[in-house]
mmCIF file of all heavy atoms, coordinates in Angstrom:
data_MODEL
# 
_entry.id   MODEL 
# 
loop_
_atom_site.group_PDB 
_atom_site.id 
_atom_site.type_symbol 
_atom_site.label_atom_id 
_atom_site.label_alt_id 
_atom_site.label_comp_id 
_atom_site.label_asym_id 
_atom_site.label_entity_id 
_atom_site.label_seq_id 
_atom_site.pdbx_PDB_ins_code 
_atom_site.Cartn_x 
_atom_site.Cartn_y 
_atom_site.Cartn_z 
_atom_site.occupancy 
_atom_site.B_iso_or_equiv 
_atom_site.pdbx_formal_charge 
_atom_site.auth_seq_id 
_atom_site.auth_comp_id 
_atom_site.auth_asym_id 
_atom_site.auth_atom_id 
_atom_site.pdbx_PDB_model_num 
ATOM 1   N N   . LEU A 1 1  ? 5.163   143.616 190.986 1.00 0.00 ? 1  LEU A N   1 
ATOM 2   C CA  . LEU A 1 1  ? 5.752   142.455 190.316 1.00 0.00 ? 1  LEU A CA  1 
ATOM 3   C C   . LEU A 1 1  ? 6.511   141.717 191.409 1.00 0.00 ? 1  LEU A C   1 
ATOM 4   O O   . LEU A 1 1  ? 7.565   142.143 191.841 1.00 0.00 ? 1  LEU A O   1 
ATOM 5   C CB  . LEU A 1 1  ? 6.688   142.858 189.184 1.00 0.00 ? 1  LEU A CB  1 
ATOM 6   C CG  . LEU A 1 1  ? 7.283   141.720 188.388 1.00 0.00 ? 1  LEU A CG  1 
ATOM 7   C CD1 . LEU A 1 1  ? 6.208   140.996 187.567 1.00 0.00 ? 1  LEU A CD1 1 
ATOM 8   C CD2 . LEU A 1 1  ? 8.393   142.201 187.417 1.00 0.00 ? 1  LEU A CD2 1 
ATOM 9   N N   . TYR A 1 2  ? 5.936   140.602 191.902 1.00 0.00 ? 2  TYR A N   1 
ATOM 10  C CA  . TYR A 1 2  ? 6.411   139.944 193.114 1.00 0.00 ? 2  TYR A CA  1 
ATOM 11  C C   . TYR A 1 2  ? 7.285   138.734 192.772 1.00 0.00 ? 2  TYR A C   1 
ATOM 12  O O   . TYR A 1 2  ? 6.859   137.848 192.033 1.00 0.00 ? 2  TYR A O   1 
ATOM 13  C CB  . TYR A 1 2  ? 5.182   139.507 193.918 1.00 0.00 ? 2  TYR A CB  1 
ATOM 14  C CG  . TYR A 1 2  ? 5.465   138.513 195.000 1.00 0.00 ? 2  TYR A CG  1 
ATOM 15  C CD1 . TYR A 1 2  ? 6.277   138.887 196.107 1.00 0.00 ? 2  TYR A CD1 1 
ATOM 16  C CD2 . TYR A 1 2  ? 4.960   137.224 194.954 1.00 0.00 ? 2  TYR A CD2 1 
ATOM 17  C CE1 . TYR A 1 2  ? 6.548   137.927 197.118 1.00 0.00 ? 2  TYR A CE1 1 
ATOM 18  C CE2 . TYR A 1 2  ? 5.205   136.303 195.954 1.00 0.00 ? 2  TYR A CE2 1 
ATOM 19  C CZ  . TYR A 1 2  ? 6.013   136.645 197.027 1.00 0.00 ? 2  TYR A CZ  1 
ATOM 20  O OH  . TYR A 1 2  ? 6.282   135.749 198.016 1.00 0.00 ? 2  TYR A OH  1 
ATOM 21  N N   . TYR A 1 3  ? 8.488   138.724 193.299 1.00 0.00 ? 3  TYR A N   1 
ATOM 22  C CA  . TYR A 1 3  ? 9.371   137.578 193.139 1.00 0.00 ? 3  TYR A CA  1 
ATOM 23  C C   . TYR A 1 3  ? 8.906   136.475 194.079 1.00 0.00 ? 3  TYR A C   1 
ATOM 24  O O   . TYR A 1 3  ? 8.987   136.607 195.315 1.00 0.00 ? 3  TYR A O   1 
ATOM 25  C CB  . TYR A 1 3  ? 10.830  137.956 193.448 1.00 0.00 ? 3  TYR A CB  1 
ATOM 26  C CG  . TYR A 1 3  ? 11.772  136.760 193.297 1.00 0.00 ? 3  TYR A CG  1 
ATOM 27  C CD1 . TYR A 1 3  ? 12.006  136.161 192.077 1.00 0.00 ? 3  TYR A CD1 1 
ATOM 28  C CD2 . TYR A 1 3  ? 12.378  136.183 194.426 1.00 0.00 ? 3  TYR A CD2 1 
ATOM 29  C CE1 . TYR A 1 3  ? 12.855  135.056 191.941 1.00 0.00 ? 3  TYR A CE1 1 
ATOM 30  C CE2 . TYR A 1 3  ? 13.235  135.078 194.323 1.00 0.00 ? 3  TYR A CE2 1 
ATOM 31  C CZ  . TYR A 1 3  ? 13.453  134.529 193.063 1.00 0.00 ? 3  TYR A CZ  1 
ATOM 32  O OH  . TYR A 1 3  ? 14.264  133.420 192.920 1.00 0.00 ? 3  TYR A OH  1 
ATOM 33  N N   . ALA A 1 4  ? 8.345   135.424 193.526 1.00 0.00 ? 4  ALA A N   1 
ATOM 34  C CA  . ALA A 1 4  ? 7.769   134.347 194.307 1.00 0.00 ? 4  ALA A CA  1 
ATOM 35  C C   . ALA A 1 4  ? 8.905   133.344 194.683 1.00 0.00 ? 4  ALA A C   1 
ATOM 36  O O   . ALA A 1 4  ? 9.179   132.369 193.979 1.00 0.00 ? 4  ALA A O   1 
ATOM 37  C CB  . ALA A 1 4  ? 6.688   133.599 193.497 1.00 0.00 ? 4  ALA A CB  1 
ATOM 38  N N   . GLU A 1 5  ? 9.522   133.620 195.840 1.00 0.00 ? 5  GLU A N   1 
ATOM 39  C CA  . GLU A 1 5  ? 10.713  132.893 196.223 1.00 0.00 ? 5  GLU A CA  1 
ATOM 40  C C   . GLU A 1 5  ? 10.439  131.396 196.406 1.00 0.00 ? 5  GLU A C   1 
ATOM 41  O O   . GLU A 1 5  ? 11.250  130.545 195.951 1.00 0.00 ? 5  GLU A O   1 
ATOM 42  C CB  . GLU A 1 5  ? 11.312  133.472 197.515 1.00 0.00 ? 5  GLU A CB  1 
ATOM 43  C CG  . GLU A 1 5  ? 12.647  132.905 197.910 1.00 0.00 ? 5  GLU A CG  1 
ATOM 44  C CD  . GLU A 1 5  ? 13.301  133.654 199.078 1.00 0.00 ? 5  GLU A CD  1 
ATOM 45  O OE1 . GLU A 1 5  ? 12.821  134.704 199.427 1.00 0.00 ? 5  GLU A OE1 1 
ATOM 46  O OE2 . GLU A 1 5  ? 14.276  133.113 199.604 1.00 0.00 ? 5  GLU A OE2 1 
ATOM 47  N N   . ASN A 1 6  ? 9.348   131.044 197.088 1.00 0.00 ? 6  ASN A N   1 
ATOM 48  C CA  . ASN A 1 6  ? 9.085   129.621 197.357 1.00 0.00 ? 6  ASN A CA  1 
ATOM 49  C C   . ASN A 1 6  ? 8.693   128.883 196.062 1.00 0.00 ? 6  ASN A C   1 
ATOM 50  O O   . ASN A 1 6  ? 9.131   127.728 195.877 1.00 0.00 ? 6  ASN A O   1 
ATOM 51  C CB  . ASN A 1 6  ? 7.949   129.505 198.353 1.00 0.00 ? 6  ASN A CB  1 
ATOM 52  C CG  . ASN A 1 6  ? 8.346   130.115 199.704 1.00 0.00 ? 6  ASN A CG  1 
ATOM 53  O OD1 . ASN A 1 6  ? 9.500   130.049 200.095 1.00 0.00 ? 6  ASN A OD1 1 
ATOM 54  N ND2 . ASN A 1 6  ? 7.373   130.712 200.396 1.00 0.00 ? 6  ASN A ND2 1 
ATOM 55  N N   . LEU A 1 7  ? 7.935   129.511 195.205 1.00 0.00 ? 7  LEU A N   1 
ATOM 56  C CA  . LEU A 1 7  ? 7.572   128.919 193.932 1.00 0.00 ? 7  LEU A CA  1 
ATOM 57  C C   . LEU A 1 7  ? 8.826   128.760 193.058 1.00 0.00 ? 7  LEU A C   1 
ATOM 58  O O   . LEU A 1 7  ? 8.988   127.765 192.376 1.00 0.00 ? 7  LEU A O   1 
ATOM 59  C CB  . LEU A 1 7  ? 6.544   129.797 193.213 1.00 0.00 ? 7  LEU A CB  1 
ATOM 60  C CG  . LEU A 1 7  ? 5.561   129.153 192.250 1.00 0.00 ? 7  LEU A CG  1 
ATOM 61  C CD1 . LEU A 1 7  ? 4.707   128.087 192.932 1.00 0.00 ? 7  LEU A CD1 1 
ATOM 62  C CD2 . LEU A 1 7  ? 4.634   130.228 191.658 1.00 0.00 ? 7  LEU A CD2 1 
ATOM 63  N N   . SER A 1 8  ? 9.699   129.765 193.124 1.00 0.00 ? 8  SER A N   1 
ATOM 64  C CA  . SER A 1 8  ? 10.940  129.703 192.337 1.00 0.00 ? 8  SER A CA  1 
ATOM 65  C C   . SER A 1 8  ? 11.815  128.530 192.770 1.00 0.00 ? 8  SER A C   1 
ATOM 66  O O   . SER A 1 8  ? 12.435  127.829 191.948 1.00 0.00 ? 8  SER A O   1 
ATOM 67  C CB  . SER A 1 8  ? 11.716  131.048 192.495 1.00 0.00 ? 8  SER A CB  1 
ATOM 68  O OG  . SER A 1 8  ? 10.966  132.101 191.908 1.00 0.00 ? 8  SER A OG  1 
ATOM 69  N N   . LYS A 1 9  ? 11.908  128.327 194.075 1.00 0.00 ? 9  LYS A N   1 
ATOM 70  C CA  . LYS A 1 9  ? 12.699  127.202 194.598 1.00 0.00 ? 9  LYS A CA  1 
ATOM 71  C C   . LYS A 1 9  ? 12.110  125.865 194.136 1.00 0.00 ? 9  LYS A C   1 
ATOM 72  O O   . LYS A 1 9  ? 12.854  124.974 193.751 1.00 0.00 ? 9  LYS A O   1 
ATOM 73  C CB  . LYS A 1 9  ? 12.736  127.242 196.127 1.00 0.00 ? 9  LYS A CB  1 
ATOM 74  C CG  . LYS A 1 9  ? 13.664  128.271 196.711 1.00 0.00 ? 9  LYS A CG  1 
ATOM 75  C CD  . LYS A 1 9  ? 13.630  128.275 198.236 1.00 0.00 ? 9  LYS A CD  1 
ATOM 76  C CE  . LYS A 1 9  ? 14.536  129.361 198.807 1.00 0.00 ? 9  LYS A CE  1 
ATOM 77  N NZ  . LYS A 1 9  ? 14.387  129.442 200.281 1.00 0.00 ? 9  LYS A NZ  1 
ATOM 78  N N   . LYS A 1 10 ? 10.801  125.768 194.166 1.00 0.00 ? 10 LYS A N   1 
ATOM 79  C CA  . LYS A 1 10 ? 10.157  124.507 193.776 1.00 0.00 ? 10 LYS A CA  1 
ATOM 80  C C   . LYS A 1 10 ? 10.472  124.137 192.344 1.00 0.00 ? 10 LYS A C   1 
ATOM 81  O O   . LYS A 1 10 ? 10.710  122.987 192.025 1.00 0.00 ? 10 LYS A O   1 
ATOM 82  C CB  . LYS A 1 10 ? 8.652   124.598 194.007 1.00 0.00 ? 10 LYS A CB  1 
ATOM 83  C CG  . LYS A 1 10 ? 7.914   123.296 193.525 1.00 0.00 ? 10 LYS A CG  1 
ATOM 84  C CD  . LYS A 1 10 ? 6.463   123.276 193.863 1.00 0.00 ? 10 LYS A CD  1 
ATOM 85  C CE  . LYS A 1 10 ? 5.758   122.082 193.265 1.00 0.00 ? 10 LYS A CE  1 
ATOM 86  N NZ  . LYS A 1 10 ? 6.371   120.805 193.661 1.00 0.00 ? 10 LYS A NZ  1 
ATOM 87  N N   . TYR A 1 11 ? 10.477  125.134 191.454 1.00 0.00 ? 11 TYR A N   1 
ATOM 88  C CA  . TYR A 1 11 ? 10.670  124.871 190.035 1.00 0.00 ? 11 TYR A CA  1 
ATOM 89  C C   . TYR A 1 11 ? 12.102  125.173 189.571 1.00 0.00 ? 11 TYR A C   1 
ATOM 90  O O   . TYR A 1 11 ? 12.361  125.130 188.356 1.00 0.00 ? 11 TYR A O   1 
ATOM 91  C CB  . TYR A 1 11 ? 9.637   125.682 189.194 1.00 0.00 ? 11 TYR A CB  1 
ATOM 92  C CG  . TYR A 1 11 ? 8.259   125.133 189.390 1.00 0.00 ? 11 TYR A CG  1 
ATOM 93  C CD1 . TYR A 1 11 ? 7.365   125.754 190.252 1.00 0.00 ? 11 TYR A CD1 1 
ATOM 94  C CD2 . TYR A 1 11 ? 7.798   123.988 188.754 1.00 0.00 ? 11 TYR A CD2 1 
ATOM 95  C CE1 . TYR A 1 11 ? 6.066   125.272 190.474 1.00 0.00 ? 11 TYR A CE1 1 
ATOM 96  C CE2 . TYR A 1 11 ? 6.535   123.469 188.945 1.00 0.00 ? 11 TYR A CE2 1 
ATOM 97  C CZ  . TYR A 1 11 ? 5.674   124.134 189.789 1.00 0.00 ? 11 TYR A CZ  1 
ATOM 98  O OH  . TYR A 1 11 ? 4.391   123.652 189.985 1.00 0.00 ? 11 TYR A OH  1 
ATOM 99  N N   . SER A 1 12 ? 12.964  125.518 190.488 1.00 0.00 ? 12 SER A N   1 
ATOM 100 C CA  . SER A 1 12 ? 14.367  125.750 190.197 1.00 0.00 ? 12 SER A CA  1 
ATOM 101 C C   . SER A 1 12 ? 14.583  126.781 189.084 1.00 0.00 ? 12 SER A C   1 
ATOM 102 O O   . SER A 1 12 ? 15.323  126.575 188.158 1.00 0.00 ? 12 SER A O   1 
ATOM 103 C CB  . SER A 1 12 ? 15.107  124.452 189.827 1.00 0.00 ? 12 SER A CB  1 
ATOM 104 O OG  . SER A 1 12 ? 14.987  123.500 190.867 1.00 0.00 ? 12 SER A OG  1 
ATOM 105 N N   . THR A 1 13 ? 13.862  127.884 189.221 1.00 0.00 ? 13 THR A N   1 
ATOM 106 C CA  . THR A 1 13 ? 14.006  129.001 188.268 1.00 0.00 ? 13 THR A CA  1 
ATOM 107 C C   . THR A 1 13 ? 13.618  130.295 189.003 1.00 0.00 ? 13 THR A C   1 
ATOM 108 O O   . THR A 1 13 ? 13.577  130.321 190.210 1.00 0.00 ? 13 THR A O   1 
ATOM 109 C CB  . THR A 1 13 ? 13.120  128.720 187.048 1.00 0.00 ? 13 THR A CB  1 
ATOM 110 O OG1 . THR A 1 13 ? 13.462  129.651 185.997 1.00 0.00 ? 13 THR A OG1 1 
ATOM 111 C CG2 . THR A 1 13 ? 11.638  128.820 187.308 1.00 0.00 ? 13 THR A CG2 1 
ATOM 112 N N   . ASN A 1 14 ? 13.369  131.346 188.262 1.00 0.00 ? 14 ASN A N   1 
ATOM 113 C CA  . ASN A 1 14 ? 13.041  132.661 188.847 1.00 0.00 ? 14 ASN A CA  1 
ATOM 114 C C   . ASN A 1 14 ? 11.633  133.098 188.380 1.00 0.00 ? 14 ASN A C   1 
ATOM 115 O O   . ASN A 1 14 ? 11.508  133.482 187.225 1.00 0.00 ? 14 ASN A O   1 
ATOM 116 C CB  . ASN A 1 14 ? 14.088  133.685 188.454 1.00 0.00 ? 14 ASN A CB  1 
ATOM 117 C CG  . ASN A 1 14 ? 15.494  133.247 188.852 1.00 0.00 ? 14 ASN A CG  1 
ATOM 118 O OD1 . ASN A 1 14 ? 15.817  133.294 190.045 1.00 0.00 ? 14 ASN A OD1 1 
ATOM 119 N ND2 . ASN A 1 14 ? 16.264  132.800 187.892 1.00 0.00 ? 14 ASN A ND2 1 
ATOM 120 N N   . ILE A 1 15 ? 10.674  132.997 189.277 1.00 0.00 ? 15 ILE A N   1 
ATOM 121 C CA  . ILE A 1 15 ? 9.290   133.243 188.931 1.00 0.00 ? 15 ILE A CA  1 
ATOM 122 C C   . ILE A 1 15 ? 8.808   134.569 189.537 1.00 0.00 ? 15 ILE A C   1 
ATOM 123 O O   . ILE A 1 15 ? 8.900   134.758 190.786 1.00 0.00 ? 15 ILE A O   1 
ATOM 124 C CB  . ILE A 1 15 ? 8.378   132.077 189.372 1.00 0.00 ? 15 ILE A CB  1 
ATOM 125 C CG1 . ILE A 1 15 ? 8.839   130.796 188.672 1.00 0.00 ? 15 ILE A CG1 1 
ATOM 126 C CG2 . ILE A 1 15 ? 6.919   132.400 189.068 1.00 0.00 ? 15 ILE A CG2 1 
ATOM 127 C CD1 . ILE A 1 15 ? 8.149   129.536 189.229 1.00 0.00 ? 15 ILE A CD1 1 
ATOM 128 N N   . TYR A 1 16 ? 8.281   135.439 188.707 1.00 0.00 ? 16 TYR A N   1 
ATOM 129 C CA  . TYR A 1 16 ? 7.720   136.690 189.169 1.00 0.00 ? 16 TYR A CA  1 
ATOM 130 C C   . TYR A 1 16 ? 6.221   136.699 188.849 1.00 0.00 ? 16 TYR A C   1 
ATOM 131 O O   . TYR A 1 16 ? 5.800   136.305 187.770 1.00 0.00 ? 16 TYR A O   1 
ATOM 132 C CB  . TYR A 1 16 ? 8.381   137.869 188.453 1.00 0.00 ? 16 TYR A CB  1 
ATOM 133 C CG  . TYR A 1 16 ? 9.807   138.094 188.786 1.00 0.00 ? 16 TYR A CG  1 
ATOM 134 C CD1 . TYR A 1 16 ? 10.843  137.346 188.227 1.00 0.00 ? 16 TYR A CD1 1 
ATOM 135 C CD2 . TYR A 1 16 ? 10.178  139.090 189.733 1.00 0.00 ? 16 TYR A CD2 1 
ATOM 136 C CE1 . TYR A 1 16 ? 12.176  137.508 188.548 1.00 0.00 ? 16 TYR A CE1 1 
ATOM 137 C CE2 . TYR A 1 16 ? 11.523  139.293 190.058 1.00 0.00 ? 16 TYR A CE2 1 
ATOM 138 C CZ  . TYR A 1 16 ? 12.502  138.506 189.466 1.00 0.00 ? 16 TYR A CZ  1 
ATOM 139 O OH  . TYR A 1 16 ? 13.820  138.743 189.808 1.00 0.00 ? 16 TYR A OH  1 
ATOM 140 N N   . LEU A 1 17 ? 5.437   137.123 189.828 1.00 0.00 ? 17 LEU A N   1 
ATOM 141 C CA  . LEU A 1 17 ? 3.965   137.154 189.651 1.00 0.00 ? 17 LEU A CA  1 
ATOM 142 C C   . LEU A 1 17 ? 3.540   138.631 189.503 1.00 0.00 ? 17 LEU A C   1 
ATOM 143 O O   . LEU A 1 17 ? 3.816   139.465 190.393 1.00 0.00 ? 17 LEU A O   1 
ATOM 144 C CB  . LEU A 1 17 ? 3.242   136.559 190.864 1.00 0.00 ? 17 LEU A CB  1 
ATOM 145 C CG  . LEU A 1 17 ? 3.578   135.121 191.200 1.00 0.00 ? 17 LEU A CG  1 
ATOM 146 C CD1 . LEU A 1 17 ? 2.837   134.675 192.445 1.00 0.00 ? 17 LEU A CD1 1 
ATOM 147 C CD2 . LEU A 1 17 ? 3.304   134.167 190.041 1.00 0.00 ? 17 LEU A CD2 1 
ATOM 148 N N   . LYS A 1 18 ? 2.896   138.927 188.397 1.00 0.00 ? 18 LYS A N   1 
ATOM 149 C CA  . LYS A 1 18 ? 2.315   140.278 188.214 1.00 0.00 ? 18 LYS A CA  1 
ATOM 150 C C   . LYS A 1 18 ? 0.962   140.289 188.926 1.00 0.00 ? 18 LYS A C   1 
ATOM 151 O O   . LYS A 1 18 ? 0.032   139.614 188.505 1.00 0.00 ? 18 LYS A O   1 
ATOM 152 C CB  . LYS A 1 18 ? 2.177   140.595 186.723 1.00 0.00 ? 18 LYS A CB  1 
ATOM 153 C CG  . LYS A 1 18 ? 1.638   142.024 186.454 1.00 0.00 ? 18 LYS A CG  1 
ATOM 154 C CD  . LYS A 1 18 ? 2.467   143.099 187.088 1.00 0.00 ? 18 LYS A CD  1 
ATOM 155 C CE  . LYS A 1 18 ? 1.966   144.486 186.630 1.00 0.00 ? 18 LYS A CE  1 
ATOM 156 N NZ  . LYS A 1 18 ? 2.465   145.559 187.510 1.00 0.00 ? 18 LYS A NZ  1 
ATOM 157 N N   . ARG A 1 19 ? 0.857   141.042 190.004 1.00 0.00 ? 19 ARG A N   1 
ATOM 158 C CA  . ARG A 1 19 ? -0.226  140.899 190.973 1.00 0.00 ? 19 ARG A CA  1 
ATOM 159 C C   . ARG A 1 19 ? -1.459  141.758 190.570 1.00 0.00 ? 19 ARG A C   1 
ATOM 160 O O   . ARG A 1 19 ? -1.862  142.667 191.282 1.00 0.00 ? 19 ARG A O   1 
ATOM 161 C CB  . ARG A 1 19 ? 0.256   141.286 192.350 1.00 0.00 ? 19 ARG A CB  1 
ATOM 162 C CG  . ARG A 1 19 ? 1.365   140.383 192.937 1.00 0.00 ? 19 ARG A CG  1 
ATOM 163 C CD  . ARG A 1 19 ? 0.875   138.989 193.227 1.00 0.00 ? 19 ARG A CD  1 
ATOM 164 N NE  . ARG A 1 19 ? -0.284  138.958 194.098 1.00 0.00 ? 19 ARG A NE  1 
ATOM 165 C CZ  . ARG A 1 19 ? -0.244  139.038 195.424 1.00 0.00 ? 19 ARG A CZ  1 
ATOM 166 N NH1 . ARG A 1 19 ? 0.937   139.094 196.053 1.00 0.00 ? 19 ARG A NH1 1 
ATOM 167 N NH2 . ARG A 1 19 ? -1.352  138.976 196.139 1.00 0.00 ? 19 ARG A NH2 1 
ATOM 168 N N   . GLU A 1 20 ? -2.086  141.401 189.466 1.00 0.00 ? 20 GLU A N   1 
ATOM 169 C CA  . GLU A 1 20 ? -3.346  142.069 189.053 1.00 0.00 ? 20 GLU A CA  1 
ATOM 170 C C   . GLU A 1 20 ? -4.473  141.777 190.039 1.00 0.00 ? 20 GLU A C   1 
ATOM 171 O O   . GLU A 1 20 ? -5.491  142.496 190.045 1.00 0.00 ? 20 GLU A O   1 
ATOM 172 C CB  . GLU A 1 20 ? -3.753  141.676 187.651 1.00 0.00 ? 20 GLU A CB  1 
ATOM 173 C CG  . GLU A 1 20 ? -2.802  142.200 186.582 1.00 0.00 ? 20 GLU A CG  1 
ATOM 174 C CD  . GLU A 1 20 ? -2.709  143.701 186.582 1.00 0.00 ? 20 GLU A CD  1 
ATOM 175 O OE1 . GLU A 1 20 ? -3.715  144.382 186.220 1.00 0.00 ? 20 GLU A OE1 1 
ATOM 176 O OE2 . GLU A 1 20 ? -1.652  144.281 186.919 1.00 0.00 ? 20 GLU A OE2 1 
ATOM 177 N N   . ASP A 1 21 ? -4.315  140.740 190.843 1.00 0.00 ? 21 ASP A N   1 
ATOM 178 C CA  . ASP A 1 21 ? -5.327  140.422 191.895 1.00 0.00 ? 21 ASP A CA  1 
ATOM 179 C C   . ASP A 1 21 ? -5.396  141.513 192.928 1.00 0.00 ? 21 ASP A C   1 
ATOM 180 O O   . ASP A 1 21 ? -6.384  141.554 193.702 1.00 0.00 ? 21 ASP A O   1 
ATOM 181 C CB  . ASP A 1 21 ? -4.969  139.082 192.557 1.00 0.00 ? 21 ASP A CB  1 
ATOM 182 C CG  . ASP A 1 21 ? -3.590  139.031 193.188 1.00 0.00 ? 21 ASP A CG  1 
ATOM 183 O OD1 . ASP A 1 21 ? -2.635  139.446 192.506 1.00 0.00 ? 21 ASP A OD1 1 
ATOM 184 O OD2 . ASP A 1 21 ? -3.509  138.648 194.339 1.00 0.00 ? 21 ASP A OD2 1 
ATOM 185 N N   . LEU A 1 22 ? -4.410  142.384 193.017 1.00 0.00 ? 22 LEU A N   1 
ATOM 186 C CA  . LEU A 1 22 ? -4.397  143.441 194.057 1.00 0.00 ? 22 LEU A CA  1 
ATOM 187 C C   . LEU A 1 22 ? -5.027  144.741 193.566 1.00 0.00 ? 22 LEU A C   1 
ATOM 188 O O   . LEU A 1 22 ? -5.119  145.713 194.325 1.00 0.00 ? 22 LEU A O   1 
ATOM 189 C CB  . LEU A 1 22 ? -2.967  143.694 194.500 1.00 0.00 ? 22 LEU A CB  1 
ATOM 190 C CG  . LEU A 1 22 ? -2.300  142.493 195.210 1.00 0.00 ? 22 LEU A CG  1 
ATOM 191 C CD1 . LEU A 1 22 ? -0.857  142.828 195.626 1.00 0.00 ? 22 LEU A CD1 1 
ATOM 192 C CD2 . LEU A 1 22 ? -3.111  142.063 196.434 1.00 0.00 ? 22 LEU A CD2 1 
ATOM 193 N N   . ASN A 1 23 ? -5.506  144.779 192.328 1.00 0.00 ? 23 ASN A N   1 
ATOM 194 C CA  . ASN A 1 23 ? -6.272  145.926 191.872 1.00 0.00 ? 23 ASN A CA  1 
ATOM 195 C C   . ASN A 1 23 ? -7.572  146.087 192.662 1.00 0.00 ? 23 ASN A C   1 
ATOM 196 O O   . ASN A 1 23 ? -8.135  145.096 193.163 1.00 0.00 ? 23 ASN A O   1 
ATOM 197 C CB  . ASN A 1 23 ? -6.668  145.755 190.388 1.00 0.00 ? 23 ASN A CB  1 
ATOM 198 C CG  . ASN A 1 23 ? -5.525  146.032 189.453 1.00 0.00 ? 23 ASN A CG  1 
ATOM 199 O OD1 . ASN A 1 23 ? -4.747  146.943 189.646 1.00 0.00 ? 23 ASN A OD1 1 
ATOM 200 N ND2 . ASN A 1 23 ? -5.472  145.304 188.342 1.00 0.00 ? 23 ASN A ND2 1 
ATOM 201 N N   . HIS A 1 24 ? -8.103  147.285 192.717 1.00 0.00 ? 24 HIS A N   1 
ATOM 202 C CA  . HIS A 1 24 ? -9.463  147.519 193.235 1.00 0.00 ? 24 HIS A CA  1 
ATOM 203 C C   . HIS A 1 24 ? -10.411 146.617 192.404 1.00 0.00 ? 24 HIS A C   1 
ATOM 204 O O   . HIS A 1 24 ? -10.303 146.555 191.167 1.00 0.00 ? 24 HIS A O   1 
ATOM 205 C CB  . HIS A 1 24 ? -9.831  149.000 193.056 1.00 0.00 ? 24 HIS A CB  1 
ATOM 206 C CG  . HIS A 1 24 ? -11.211 149.321 193.479 1.00 0.00 ? 24 HIS A CG  1 
ATOM 207 N ND1 . HIS A 1 24 ? -11.769 148.830 194.643 1.00 0.00 ? 24 HIS A ND1 1 
ATOM 208 C CD2 . HIS A 1 24 ? -12.159 150.108 192.931 1.00 0.00 ? 24 HIS A CD2 1 
ATOM 209 C CE1 . HIS A 1 24 ? -12.975 149.295 194.770 1.00 0.00 ? 24 HIS A CE1 1 
ATOM 210 N NE2 . HIS A 1 24 ? -13.273 150.071 193.744 1.00 0.00 ? 24 HIS A NE2 1 
ATOM 211 N N   . THR A 1 25 ? -11.285 145.932 193.059 1.00 0.00 ? 25 THR A N   1 
ATOM 212 C CA  . THR A 1 25 ? -12.243 144.925 192.533 1.00 0.00 ? 25 THR A CA  1 
ATOM 213 C C   . THR A 1 25 ? -11.602 143.548 192.375 1.00 0.00 ? 25 THR A C   1 
ATOM 214 O O   . THR A 1 25 ? -12.313 142.588 192.060 1.00 0.00 ? 25 THR A O   1 
ATOM 215 C CB  . THR A 1 25 ? -12.940 145.330 191.235 1.00 0.00 ? 25 THR A CB  1 
ATOM 216 O OG1 . THR A 1 25 ? -12.059 145.259 190.122 1.00 0.00 ? 25 THR A OG1 1 
ATOM 217 C CG2 . THR A 1 25 ? -13.542 146.741 191.330 1.00 0.00 ? 25 THR A CG2 1 
ATOM 218 N N   . GLY A 1 26 ? -10.294 143.415 192.524 1.00 0.00 ? 26 GLY A N   1 
ATOM 219 C CA  . GLY A 1 26 ? -9.687  142.101 192.593 1.00 0.00 ? 26 GLY A CA  1 
ATOM 220 C C   . GLY A 1 26 ? -9.268  141.423 191.302 1.00 0.00 ? 26 GLY A C   1 
ATOM 221 O O   . GLY A 1 26 ? -8.987  140.219 191.292 1.00 0.00 ? 26 GLY A O   1 
ATOM 222 N N   . ALA A 1 27 ? -9.181  142.203 190.226 1.00 0.00 ? 27 ALA A N   1 
ATOM 223 C CA  . ALA A 1 27 ? -8.745  141.593 188.951 1.00 0.00 ? 27 ALA A CA  1 
ATOM 224 C C   . ALA A 1 27 ? -8.295  142.680 187.985 1.00 0.00 ? 27 ALA A C   1 
ATOM 225 O O   . ALA A 1 27 ? -8.488  143.892 188.233 1.00 0.00 ? 27 ALA A O   1 
ATOM 226 C CB  . ALA A 1 27 ? -9.857  140.746 188.340 1.00 0.00 ? 27 ALA A CB  1 
ATOM 227 N N   . HIS A 1 28 ? -7.777  142.238 186.860 1.00 0.00 ? 28 HIS A N   1 
ATOM 228 C CA  . HIS A 1 28 ? -7.311  143.150 185.838 1.00 0.00 ? 28 HIS A CA  1 
ATOM 229 C C   . HIS A 1 28 ? -8.440  143.902 185.108 1.00 0.00 ? 28 HIS A C   1 
ATOM 230 O O   . HIS A 1 28 ? -8.225  144.909 184.454 1.00 0.00 ? 28 HIS A O   1 
ATOM 231 C CB  . HIS A 1 28 ? -6.508  142.372 184.778 1.00 0.00 ? 28 HIS A CB  1 
ATOM 232 C CG  . HIS A 1 28 ? -7.368  141.473 183.922 1.00 0.00 ? 28 HIS A CG  1 
ATOM 233 N ND1 . HIS A 1 28 ? -7.933  140.324 184.425 1.00 0.00 ? 28 HIS A ND1 1 
ATOM 234 C CD2 . HIS A 1 28 ? -7.765  141.553 182.641 1.00 0.00 ? 28 HIS A CD2 1 
ATOM 235 C CE1 . HIS A 1 28 ? -8.625  139.757 183.496 1.00 0.00 ? 28 HIS A CE1 1 
ATOM 236 N NE2 . HIS A 1 28 ? -8.553  140.482 182.379 1.00 0.00 ? 28 HIS A NE2 1 
# 
């Protein structure tokens, strides 16, 4: 669960990305 610091700054909030793209095969 990645805190996207740059994205958070852009939208002035706290955005976390759940990285299902990092699973084996590349998706959920």
